């Protein structure tokens, strides 16, 4: 399982693996929709009654949304997006293939760059309200969407590598990380 998300109204649960989305109705306790996708799912996020997701297929990233009301998948944008997160009813944040954190109006318009993360070879990010959290694998940094230059470190790993980063919703954002501890590599000698 790649993602597990609860809708804002607590009525649906979305599970995602690499190649499909599964939408469960919590009131009926049943699988409501299985949505196979072409390519590999990169990110999934709820917004209102839509599930926004990004895929990677043959080196090209695409963004989509699935509307629960009409059960259709619709392309969200022709702009390449590696991952997408929702900040409010009007805007989304997304990470471009060049690792630029971009903001864009949902209805259209041109995206603009909030912050350049192209120097990072590894990047995980999450948002809570208008607070952005970013990890390079060894630390977590934070900044408000409206003040991307106020970038500050909020956590330093004690040697573990940060694999996942999630943030809870407001009013008090909590950041959740999953880490792995690296061990010395073992070298094996093979004998004939």
N, C-alpha and C. Protein backbone atom coordinates (compact mmCIF):
# COMPACT_ATOMS: atom_id res chain seq x y z
N UNK A 1 0.84 -1.17 0.00
CA UNK A 1 0.00 0.00 0.00
C UNK A 1 0.89 1.24 0.00
N UNK A 2 0.58 2.16 -0.88
CA UNK A 2 1.37 3.38 -1.02
C UNK A 2 0.78 4.53 -0.21
N UNK A 3 -0.54 4.68 -0.21
CA UNK A 3 -1.22 5.75 0.52
C UNK A 3 -2.49 5.22 1.14
N UNK A 4 -2.86 5.83 2.26
CA UNK A 4 -4.12 5.55 2.93
C UNK A 4 -4.66 6.89 3.41
N UNK A 5 -5.80 7.34 2.84
CA UNK A 5 -6.31 8.68 3.11
C UNK A 5 -7.78 8.64 3.50
N UNK A 6 -8.13 9.44 4.48
CA UNK A 6 -9.51 9.59 4.91
C UNK A 6 -10.05 10.89 4.34
N UNK A 7 -11.27 10.86 3.79
CA UNK A 7 -11.86 12.08 3.24
C UNK A 7 -12.12 13.08 4.35
N UNK A 8 -12.23 14.36 3.98
CA UNK A 8 -12.44 15.41 4.98
C UNK A 8 -13.76 15.24 5.73
N UNK A 9 -14.75 14.62 5.10
CA UNK A 9 -16.04 14.42 5.77
C UNK A 9 -16.13 13.06 6.47
N UNK A 10 -15.05 12.30 6.51
CA UNK A 10 -14.97 11.00 7.18
C UNK A 10 -15.92 9.95 6.59
N UNK A 11 -16.31 10.13 5.35
CA UNK A 11 -17.24 9.17 4.73
C UNK A 11 -16.53 8.15 3.84
N UNK A 12 -15.32 8.48 3.36
CA UNK A 12 -14.63 7.60 2.43
C UNK A 12 -13.17 7.40 2.86
N UNK A 13 -12.65 6.27 2.44
CA UNK A 13 -11.25 5.94 2.65
C UNK A 13 -10.67 5.58 1.30
N UNK A 14 -9.53 6.15 0.97
CA UNK A 14 -8.85 5.81 -0.28
C UNK A 14 -7.56 5.09 0.06
N UNK A 15 -7.38 3.94 -0.58
CA UNK A 15 -6.11 3.22 -0.50
C UNK A 15 -5.52 3.25 -1.90
N UNK A 16 -4.22 3.42 -1.97
CA UNK A 16 -3.56 3.43 -3.27
C UNK A 16 -2.35 2.52 -3.23
N UNK A 17 -2.20 1.69 -4.25
CA UNK A 17 -0.95 0.98 -4.43
C UNK A 17 -0.29 1.61 -5.66
N UNK A 18 0.68 0.97 -6.24
CA UNK A 18 1.38 1.59 -7.37
C UNK A 18 0.51 1.78 -8.61
N UNK A 19 -0.51 0.93 -8.79
CA UNK A 19 -1.23 0.95 -10.05
C UNK A 19 -2.75 1.09 -9.94
N UNK A 20 -3.28 1.36 -8.74
CA UNK A 20 -4.73 1.49 -8.61
C UNK A 20 -5.10 2.29 -7.37
N UNK A 21 -6.29 2.90 -7.45
CA UNK A 21 -6.92 3.55 -6.30
C UNK A 21 -8.13 2.72 -5.90
N UNK A 22 -8.33 2.58 -4.60
CA UNK A 22 -9.48 1.85 -4.07
C UNK A 22 -10.23 2.79 -3.15
N UNK A 23 -11.49 3.08 -3.47
CA UNK A 23 -12.30 3.99 -2.68
C UNK A 23 -13.32 3.17 -1.90
N UNK A 24 -13.25 3.25 -0.58
CA UNK A 24 -14.15 2.52 0.31
C UNK A 24 -15.17 3.48 0.92
N UNK A 25 -16.42 3.03 0.98
CA UNK A 25 -17.44 3.77 1.69
C UNK A 25 -17.41 3.31 3.14
N UNK A 26 -17.20 4.23 4.06
CA UNK A 26 -17.15 3.86 5.47
C UNK A 26 -18.55 3.63 6.04
N UNK A 27 -19.57 4.28 5.48
CA UNK A 27 -20.93 4.06 5.98
C UNK A 27 -21.44 2.67 5.57
N UNK A 28 -21.10 2.22 4.36
CA UNK A 28 -21.53 0.90 3.90
C UNK A 28 -20.49 -0.18 4.21
N UNK A 29 -19.31 0.24 4.65
CA UNK A 29 -18.20 -0.69 4.92
C UNK A 29 -17.93 -1.60 3.72
N UNK A 30 -17.83 -0.95 2.55
CA UNK A 30 -17.61 -1.74 1.34
C UNK A 30 -16.74 -0.96 0.35
N UNK A 31 -16.14 -1.73 -0.56
CA UNK A 31 -15.36 -1.13 -1.64
C UNK A 31 -16.34 -0.54 -2.64
N UNK A 32 -16.24 0.75 -2.88
CA UNK A 32 -17.17 1.42 -3.78
C UNK A 32 -16.62 1.51 -5.20
N UNK A 33 -15.31 1.80 -5.33
CA UNK A 33 -14.71 1.97 -6.65
C UNK A 33 -13.29 1.42 -6.64
N UNK A 34 -12.96 0.67 -7.68
CA UNK A 34 -11.57 0.29 -7.95
C UNK A 34 -11.18 1.00 -9.22
N UNK A 35 -10.12 1.77 -9.15
CA UNK A 35 -9.73 2.60 -10.28
C UNK A 35 -8.31 2.26 -10.71
N UNK A 36 -8.16 1.36 -11.70
CA UNK A 36 -6.80 1.08 -12.19
C UNK A 36 -6.29 2.29 -12.99
N UNK A 37 -5.01 2.57 -12.87
CA UNK A 37 -4.42 3.68 -13.61
C UNK A 37 -3.24 3.17 -14.41
N UNK A 38 -2.96 3.84 -15.52
CA UNK A 38 -1.78 3.49 -16.30
C UNK A 38 -0.59 4.23 -15.69
N UNK A 39 0.52 3.58 -15.63
CA UNK A 39 1.70 4.17 -15.00
C UNK A 39 1.73 3.84 -13.52
N UNK A 40 2.56 4.56 -12.81
CA UNK A 40 2.76 4.35 -11.38
C UNK A 40 2.25 5.57 -10.63
N UNK A 41 1.48 5.35 -9.57
CA UNK A 41 0.94 6.45 -8.79
C UNK A 41 2.07 7.06 -7.95
N UNK A 42 2.24 8.38 -8.05
CA UNK A 42 3.24 9.10 -7.26
C UNK A 42 2.66 9.66 -5.98
N UNK A 43 1.52 10.32 -6.07
CA UNK A 43 0.92 10.97 -4.90
C UNK A 43 -0.58 10.97 -5.02
N UNK A 44 -1.25 11.03 -3.86
CA UNK A 44 -2.70 11.05 -3.80
C UNK A 44 -3.10 12.02 -2.69
N UNK A 45 -4.13 12.86 -2.95
CA UNK A 45 -4.62 13.78 -1.94
C UNK A 45 -6.12 13.99 -2.14
N UNK A 46 -6.84 14.13 -1.03
CA UNK A 46 -8.28 14.45 -1.08
C UNK A 46 -8.45 15.95 -1.15
N UNK A 47 -9.50 16.37 -1.83
CA UNK A 47 -9.96 17.74 -1.71
C UNK A 47 -11.44 17.74 -2.03
N UNK A 48 -12.26 18.15 -1.06
CA UNK A 48 -13.71 18.09 -1.18
C UNK A 48 -14.09 16.66 -1.56
N UNK A 49 -14.81 16.47 -2.63
CA UNK A 49 -15.22 15.13 -3.06
C UNK A 49 -14.40 14.65 -4.25
N UNK A 50 -13.17 15.13 -4.34
CA UNK A 50 -12.28 14.73 -5.42
C UNK A 50 -10.99 14.15 -4.86
N UNK A 51 -10.51 13.14 -5.55
CA UNK A 51 -9.22 12.55 -5.22
C UNK A 51 -8.24 12.99 -6.31
N UNK A 52 -7.30 13.85 -5.96
CA UNK A 52 -6.27 14.28 -6.91
C UNK A 52 -5.11 13.30 -6.81
N UNK A 53 -4.55 12.93 -7.97
CA UNK A 53 -3.39 12.03 -7.93
C UNK A 53 -2.48 12.31 -9.12
N UNK A 54 -1.22 11.93 -8.96
CA UNK A 54 -0.25 12.09 -10.03
C UNK A 54 0.29 10.70 -10.38
N UNK A 55 0.62 10.54 -11.65
CA UNK A 55 1.17 9.28 -12.13
C UNK A 55 2.44 9.53 -12.93
N UNK A 56 3.24 8.50 -13.03
CA UNK A 56 4.44 8.54 -13.86
C UNK A 56 4.36 7.37 -14.83
N UNK A 57 4.41 7.68 -16.12
CA UNK A 57 4.32 6.65 -17.15
C UNK A 57 5.29 6.99 -18.27
N UNK A 58 6.18 6.08 -18.57
CA UNK A 58 7.17 6.25 -19.64
C UNK A 58 7.92 7.56 -19.50
N UNK A 59 8.30 7.90 -18.27
CA UNK A 59 9.08 9.10 -18.01
C UNK A 59 8.29 10.39 -17.97
N UNK A 60 6.98 10.33 -18.19
CA UNK A 60 6.14 11.52 -18.19
C UNK A 60 5.24 11.52 -16.95
N UNK A 61 5.19 12.65 -16.25
CA UNK A 61 4.29 12.76 -15.10
C UNK A 61 3.02 13.46 -15.53
N UNK A 62 1.89 13.00 -14.96
CA UNK A 62 0.59 13.56 -15.29
C UNK A 62 -0.21 13.72 -14.00
N UNK A 63 -1.16 14.64 -14.00
CA UNK A 63 -2.01 14.86 -12.83
C UNK A 63 -3.47 14.68 -13.23
N UNK A 64 -4.24 14.11 -12.31
CA UNK A 64 -5.62 13.75 -12.56
C UNK A 64 -6.45 14.05 -11.32
N UNK A 65 -7.76 14.01 -11.48
CA UNK A 65 -8.62 13.92 -10.31
C UNK A 65 -9.77 12.98 -10.63
N UNK A 66 -10.23 12.31 -9.57
CA UNK A 66 -11.38 11.42 -9.64
C UNK A 66 -12.48 12.05 -8.83
N UNK A 67 -13.61 12.33 -9.49
CA UNK A 67 -14.74 12.96 -8.83
C UNK A 67 -15.67 11.87 -8.30
N UNK A 68 -15.90 11.84 -6.98
CA UNK A 68 -16.75 10.82 -6.39
C UNK A 68 -18.20 10.96 -6.83
N UNK A 69 -18.65 12.17 -7.11
CA UNK A 69 -20.06 12.39 -7.49
C UNK A 69 -20.38 11.75 -8.83
N UNK A 70 -19.55 11.99 -9.84
CA UNK A 70 -19.86 11.45 -11.17
C UNK A 70 -19.00 10.26 -11.57
N UNK A 71 -18.10 9.84 -10.70
CA UNK A 71 -17.26 8.64 -10.91
C UNK A 71 -16.44 8.69 -12.19
N UNK A 72 -15.91 9.88 -12.52
CA UNK A 72 -15.08 10.04 -13.71
C UNK A 72 -13.67 10.49 -13.33
N UNK A 73 -12.70 10.04 -14.12
CA UNK A 73 -11.33 10.52 -13.99
C UNK A 73 -11.13 11.61 -15.02
N UNK A 74 -10.61 12.76 -14.57
CA UNK A 74 -10.44 13.92 -15.43
C UNK A 74 -8.99 14.39 -15.32
N UNK A 75 -8.34 14.70 -16.44
CA UNK A 75 -7.00 15.30 -16.34
C UNK A 75 -7.09 16.62 -15.59
N UNK A 76 -6.18 16.83 -14.64
CA UNK A 76 -6.19 18.05 -13.86
C UNK A 76 -5.42 19.17 -14.56
N UNK A 77 -4.24 18.83 -15.08
CA UNK A 77 -3.41 19.84 -15.73
C UNK A 77 -2.47 19.16 -16.71
N UNK A 78 -2.07 19.88 -17.73
CA UNK A 78 -1.07 19.36 -18.66
C UNK A 78 0.35 19.66 -18.18
N UNK A 79 0.47 20.40 -17.10
CA UNK A 79 1.78 20.73 -16.53
C UNK A 79 2.31 19.50 -15.78
N UNK A 80 3.54 19.07 -16.05
CA UNK A 80 4.08 17.91 -15.34
C UNK A 80 4.16 18.16 -13.83
N UNK A 81 3.63 17.22 -13.06
CA UNK A 81 3.63 17.31 -11.60
C UNK A 81 4.06 15.97 -11.03
N UNK A 82 5.10 15.97 -10.20
CA UNK A 82 5.51 14.71 -9.56
C UNK A 82 4.65 14.38 -8.37
N UNK A 83 4.28 15.37 -7.60
CA UNK A 83 3.36 15.15 -6.49
C UNK A 83 2.57 16.43 -6.29
N UNK A 84 1.36 16.27 -5.75
CA UNK A 84 0.45 17.40 -5.63
C UNK A 84 -0.19 17.36 -4.25
N UNK A 85 -0.32 18.52 -3.62
CA UNK A 85 -1.01 18.64 -2.34
C UNK A 85 -1.92 19.86 -2.40
N UNK A 86 -3.03 19.77 -1.69
CA UNK A 86 -4.02 20.83 -1.69
C UNK A 86 -3.81 21.76 -0.50
N UNK A 87 -3.88 23.07 -0.71
CA UNK A 87 -3.76 23.98 0.43
C UNK A 87 -5.07 24.69 0.76
N UNK A 88 -5.93 24.90 -0.23
CA UNK A 88 -7.23 25.52 0.05
C UNK A 88 -8.15 25.26 -1.14
N UNK A 89 -9.31 25.88 -1.14
CA UNK A 89 -10.28 25.64 -2.21
C UNK A 89 -9.87 26.26 -3.54
N UNK A 90 -8.89 27.14 -3.53
CA UNK A 90 -8.49 27.82 -4.76
C UNK A 90 -7.13 27.37 -5.30
N UNK A 91 -6.25 26.83 -4.44
CA UNK A 91 -4.87 26.58 -4.86
C UNK A 91 -4.38 25.18 -4.53
N UNK A 92 -3.43 24.73 -5.32
CA UNK A 92 -2.69 23.51 -5.04
C UNK A 92 -1.20 23.84 -5.06
N UNK A 93 -0.46 23.06 -4.33
CA UNK A 93 1.00 23.09 -4.41
C UNK A 93 1.42 21.81 -5.11
N UNK A 94 2.46 21.90 -5.92
CA UNK A 94 2.97 20.68 -6.54
C UNK A 94 4.47 20.78 -6.70
N UNK A 95 5.07 19.61 -6.82
CA UNK A 95 6.51 19.52 -7.02
C UNK A 95 6.74 19.19 -8.48
N UNK A 96 7.47 20.04 -9.17
CA UNK A 96 7.73 19.83 -10.59
C UNK A 96 8.82 18.77 -10.75
N UNK A 97 8.99 18.22 -11.97
CA UNK A 97 10.08 17.26 -12.20
C UNK A 97 11.47 17.83 -11.90
N UNK A 98 11.62 19.16 -11.94
CA UNK A 98 12.90 19.80 -11.64
C UNK A 98 13.06 20.07 -10.14
N UNK A 99 12.13 19.59 -9.34
CA UNK A 99 12.09 19.78 -7.89
C UNK A 99 11.88 21.25 -7.51
N UNK A 100 11.03 21.92 -8.24
CA UNK A 100 10.59 23.26 -7.87
C UNK A 100 9.23 23.11 -7.20
N UNK A 101 9.07 23.73 -6.04
CA UNK A 101 7.78 23.72 -5.37
C UNK A 101 6.97 24.86 -5.97
N UNK A 102 5.84 24.50 -6.60
CA UNK A 102 5.04 25.45 -7.35
C UNK A 102 3.66 25.60 -6.71
N UNK A 103 3.05 26.78 -6.91
CA UNK A 103 1.67 27.01 -6.50
C UNK A 103 0.87 27.35 -7.74
N UNK A 104 -0.37 26.82 -7.80
CA UNK A 104 -1.20 27.06 -8.97
C UNK A 104 -2.66 27.17 -8.54
N UNK A 105 -3.40 28.02 -9.22
CA UNK A 105 -4.83 28.13 -9.01
C UNK A 105 -5.50 26.88 -9.57
N UNK A 106 -6.47 26.31 -8.87
CA UNK A 106 -7.17 25.10 -9.32
C UNK A 106 -7.91 25.30 -10.63
N UNK A 107 -8.46 26.47 -10.83
CA UNK A 107 -9.32 26.73 -11.99
C UNK A 107 -8.49 26.99 -13.24
N UNK A 108 -7.25 27.23 -13.11
CA UNK A 108 -6.40 27.54 -14.25
C UNK A 108 -5.37 28.58 -13.86
N UNK A 109 -4.78 29.15 -14.83
CA UNK A 109 -3.75 30.14 -14.54
C UNK A 109 -2.37 29.49 -14.57
N UNK A 110 -1.39 30.32 -14.54
CA UNK A 110 -0.01 29.85 -14.61
C UNK A 110 0.55 29.58 -13.22
N UNK A 111 1.26 28.48 -13.06
CA UNK A 111 1.89 28.22 -11.77
C UNK A 111 3.08 29.15 -11.56
N UNK A 112 3.41 29.39 -10.30
CA UNK A 112 4.61 30.15 -10.01
C UNK A 112 5.41 29.43 -8.94
N UNK A 113 6.72 29.62 -8.98
CA UNK A 113 7.62 28.90 -8.10
C UNK A 113 7.67 29.54 -6.72
N UNK A 114 7.46 28.73 -5.68
CA UNK A 114 7.61 29.19 -4.31
C UNK A 114 9.04 28.99 -3.82
N UNK A 115 9.61 27.82 -4.15
CA UNK A 115 10.94 27.50 -3.64
C UNK A 115 11.61 26.51 -4.58
N UNK A 116 12.91 26.67 -4.74
CA UNK A 116 13.71 25.78 -5.59
C UNK A 116 14.39 24.74 -4.71
N UNK A 117 14.06 23.47 -4.93
CA UNK A 117 14.69 22.37 -4.20
C UNK A 117 15.53 21.50 -5.14
N UNK A 118 15.96 22.03 -6.26
CA UNK A 118 16.70 21.24 -7.24
C UNK A 118 18.05 20.74 -6.73
N UNK A 119 18.57 21.37 -5.68
CA UNK A 119 19.86 20.93 -5.13
C UNK A 119 19.73 19.65 -4.31
N UNK A 120 18.51 19.25 -3.98
CA UNK A 120 18.29 18.05 -3.17
C UNK A 120 18.13 16.83 -4.08
N UNK A 121 18.85 15.77 -3.79
CA UNK A 121 18.70 14.54 -4.58
C UNK A 121 17.54 13.71 -4.05
N UNK A 122 17.14 13.98 -2.82
CA UNK A 122 16.03 13.25 -2.19
C UNK A 122 15.13 14.29 -1.53
N UNK A 123 13.83 14.15 -1.72
CA UNK A 123 12.91 15.15 -1.17
C UNK A 123 11.57 14.52 -0.85
N UNK A 124 11.09 14.75 0.36
CA UNK A 124 9.74 14.40 0.79
C UNK A 124 9.10 15.67 1.32
N UNK A 125 7.80 15.83 1.14
CA UNK A 125 7.15 17.05 1.60
C UNK A 125 5.72 16.78 2.01
N UNK A 126 5.20 17.65 2.86
CA UNK A 126 3.83 17.57 3.35
C UNK A 126 3.37 18.98 3.69
N UNK A 127 2.05 19.17 3.79
CA UNK A 127 1.53 20.47 4.19
C UNK A 127 0.47 20.30 5.27
N UNK A 128 0.35 21.32 6.09
CA UNK A 128 -0.72 21.40 7.08
C UNK A 128 -1.23 22.83 7.04
N UNK A 129 -2.44 23.00 6.52
CA UNK A 129 -2.94 24.36 6.33
C UNK A 129 -2.05 25.07 5.32
N UNK A 130 -1.42 26.15 5.76
CA UNK A 130 -0.50 26.88 4.87
C UNK A 130 0.94 26.74 5.33
N UNK A 131 1.24 25.70 6.10
CA UNK A 131 2.61 25.43 6.55
C UNK A 131 3.16 24.26 5.75
N UNK A 132 4.32 24.45 5.12
CA UNK A 132 4.95 23.42 4.30
C UNK A 132 6.08 22.78 5.11
N UNK A 133 6.17 21.46 5.05
CA UNK A 133 7.24 20.70 5.69
C UNK A 133 7.98 19.94 4.61
N UNK A 134 9.30 20.00 4.64
CA UNK A 134 10.14 19.37 3.62
C UNK A 134 11.25 18.60 4.31
N UNK A 135 11.58 17.42 3.75
CA UNK A 135 12.69 16.64 4.30
C UNK A 135 13.66 16.27 3.19
N UNK A 136 14.95 16.34 3.51
CA UNK A 136 15.99 15.91 2.59
C UNK A 136 16.50 14.51 2.96
N UNK A 137 15.85 13.86 3.90
CA UNK A 137 16.25 12.53 4.35
C UNK A 137 16.93 12.55 5.69
N UNK A 138 17.55 13.67 6.04
CA UNK A 138 18.25 13.74 7.33
C UNK A 138 17.64 14.77 8.28
N UNK A 139 16.84 15.69 7.77
CA UNK A 139 16.23 16.73 8.61
C UNK A 139 14.88 17.12 8.03
N UNK A 140 14.08 17.81 8.85
CA UNK A 140 12.80 18.35 8.39
C UNK A 140 12.86 19.86 8.53
N UNK A 141 12.42 20.55 7.49
CA UNK A 141 12.40 22.00 7.44
C UNK A 141 10.96 22.46 7.27
N UNK A 142 10.70 23.72 7.61
CA UNK A 142 9.34 24.24 7.54
C UNK A 142 9.35 25.69 7.09
N UNK A 143 8.26 26.08 6.41
CA UNK A 143 8.05 27.49 6.07
C UNK A 143 6.58 27.69 5.73
N UNK A 144 6.05 28.91 5.96
CA UNK A 144 4.68 29.21 5.54
C UNK A 144 4.62 29.42 4.03
N UNK A 145 3.51 29.02 3.41
CA UNK A 145 3.35 29.18 1.97
C UNK A 145 3.56 30.64 1.56
N UNK A 146 3.08 31.56 2.37
CA UNK A 146 3.18 32.98 2.01
C UNK A 146 4.55 33.58 2.30
N UNK A 147 5.42 32.84 2.99
CA UNK A 147 6.77 33.32 3.30
C UNK A 147 7.82 32.23 3.05
N UNK A 148 8.01 31.83 1.79
CA UNK A 148 8.92 30.71 1.51
C UNK A 148 10.38 31.00 1.89
N UNK A 149 10.74 32.27 2.08
CA UNK A 149 12.12 32.58 2.47
C UNK A 149 12.37 32.39 3.96
N UNK A 150 11.31 32.17 4.74
CA UNK A 150 11.49 31.94 6.17
C UNK A 150 11.66 30.44 6.45
N UNK A 151 12.49 29.81 5.67
CA UNK A 151 12.81 28.38 5.70
C UNK A 151 13.63 28.08 6.96
N UNK A 152 13.14 27.20 7.85
CA UNK A 152 13.89 26.88 9.07
C UNK A 152 13.82 25.39 9.37
N UNK A 153 14.86 24.88 10.00
CA UNK A 153 14.92 23.48 10.39
C UNK A 153 14.09 23.28 11.65
N UNK A 154 13.23 22.24 11.64
CA UNK A 154 12.40 21.95 12.81
C UNK A 154 12.72 20.59 13.43
N UNK A 155 13.50 19.76 12.72
CA UNK A 155 13.87 18.45 13.26
C UNK A 155 15.15 17.98 12.58
N UNK A 156 16.04 17.38 13.37
CA UNK A 156 17.26 16.77 12.85
C UNK A 156 17.24 15.30 13.24
N UNK A 157 17.40 14.41 12.28
CA UNK A 157 17.39 12.98 12.55
C UNK A 157 18.62 12.59 13.36
N UNK A 158 18.46 11.59 14.19
CA UNK A 158 19.56 11.11 15.02
C UNK A 158 20.33 9.98 14.34
N UNK A 159 20.34 9.97 13.04
CA UNK A 159 21.07 8.95 12.29
C UNK A 159 20.18 8.12 11.39
N UNK A 160 18.87 8.16 11.63
CA UNK A 160 17.94 7.44 10.77
C UNK A 160 17.66 8.24 9.51
N UNK A 161 17.33 7.53 8.45
CA UNK A 161 17.02 8.16 7.18
C UNK A 161 15.51 8.33 7.10
N UNK A 162 15.03 9.53 6.82
CA UNK A 162 13.60 9.83 6.78
C UNK A 162 13.02 9.36 5.44
N UNK A 163 12.18 8.32 5.51
CA UNK A 163 11.57 7.76 4.30
C UNK A 163 10.24 8.42 3.95
N UNK A 164 9.43 8.72 4.97
CA UNK A 164 8.11 9.29 4.74
C UNK A 164 7.92 10.49 5.65
N UNK A 165 7.11 11.41 5.18
CA UNK A 165 6.81 12.63 5.93
C UNK A 165 5.33 12.94 5.72
N UNK A 166 4.59 13.05 6.79
CA UNK A 166 3.16 13.40 6.74
C UNK A 166 2.90 14.47 7.77
N UNK A 167 1.90 15.30 7.54
CA UNK A 167 1.51 16.35 8.48
C UNK A 167 0.01 16.28 8.70
N UNK A 168 -0.40 16.50 9.95
CA UNK A 168 -1.82 16.52 10.26
C UNK A 168 -2.39 17.89 9.92
N UNK A 169 -3.70 17.98 9.93
CA UNK A 169 -4.36 19.25 9.64
C UNK A 169 -4.26 20.19 10.82
N UNK A 170 -4.59 21.45 10.55
CA UNK A 170 -4.62 22.49 11.58
C UNK A 170 -5.65 22.12 12.63
N UNK A 171 -5.71 22.71 13.78
CA UNK A 171 -5.09 23.97 14.18
C UNK A 171 -3.65 23.80 14.67
N UNK A 172 -3.28 22.62 15.16
CA UNK A 172 -1.90 22.43 15.60
C UNK A 172 -1.28 21.35 14.73
N UNK A 173 -0.47 21.72 13.76
CA UNK A 173 0.09 20.72 12.86
C UNK A 173 1.08 19.81 13.58
N UNK A 174 0.88 18.52 13.43
CA UNK A 174 1.83 17.53 13.91
C UNK A 174 2.49 16.93 12.69
N UNK A 175 3.78 16.68 12.77
CA UNK A 175 4.52 16.09 11.67
C UNK A 175 4.88 14.67 12.06
N UNK A 176 4.62 13.74 11.16
CA UNK A 176 4.91 12.34 11.39
C UNK A 176 5.98 11.91 10.39
N UNK A 177 6.99 11.22 10.87
CA UNK A 177 8.05 10.74 9.99
C UNK A 177 8.22 9.24 10.17
N UNK A 178 8.66 8.58 9.11
CA UNK A 178 9.07 7.18 9.17
C UNK A 178 10.54 7.16 8.82
N UNK A 179 11.33 6.51 9.65
CA UNK A 179 12.77 6.47 9.41
C UNK A 179 13.25 5.03 9.33
N UNK A 180 14.42 4.86 8.78
CA UNK A 180 15.10 3.57 8.75
C UNK A 180 16.53 3.82 9.21
N UNK A 181 17.06 2.91 9.99
CA UNK A 181 18.45 3.01 10.43
C UNK A 181 19.31 2.22 9.47
N UNK A 182 20.35 2.84 8.96
CA UNK A 182 21.28 2.16 8.07
C UNK A 182 22.28 1.40 8.92
N UNK A 183 22.63 0.23 8.51
CA UNK A 183 23.63 -0.60 9.20
C UNK A 183 24.83 -0.73 8.27
N UNK A 184 25.95 -1.12 8.87
CA UNK A 184 27.13 -1.38 8.05
C UNK A 184 26.82 -2.47 7.04
N UNK A 185 27.30 -2.29 5.83
CA UNK A 185 27.10 -3.31 4.81
C UNK A 185 27.93 -4.53 5.16
N UNK A 186 27.41 -5.69 4.88
CA UNK A 186 28.14 -6.92 5.09
C UNK A 186 28.70 -7.38 3.76
N UNK A 187 29.96 -7.72 3.75
CA UNK A 187 30.56 -8.24 2.52
C UNK A 187 30.70 -9.73 2.69
N UNK A 188 30.28 -10.48 1.70
CA UNK A 188 30.36 -11.92 1.75
C UNK A 188 31.43 -12.39 0.78
N UNK A 189 32.22 -13.32 1.24
CA UNK A 189 33.23 -13.92 0.35
C UNK A 189 32.67 -15.24 -0.13
N UNK A 190 32.61 -15.39 -1.42
CA UNK A 190 32.11 -16.64 -2.00
C UNK A 190 33.28 -17.54 -2.34
N UNK A 191 33.18 -18.81 -1.98
CA UNK A 191 34.22 -19.79 -2.24
C UNK A 191 33.71 -20.81 -3.24
N UNK A 192 34.66 -21.31 -4.05
CA UNK A 192 34.30 -22.37 -4.99
C UNK A 192 34.32 -23.70 -4.30
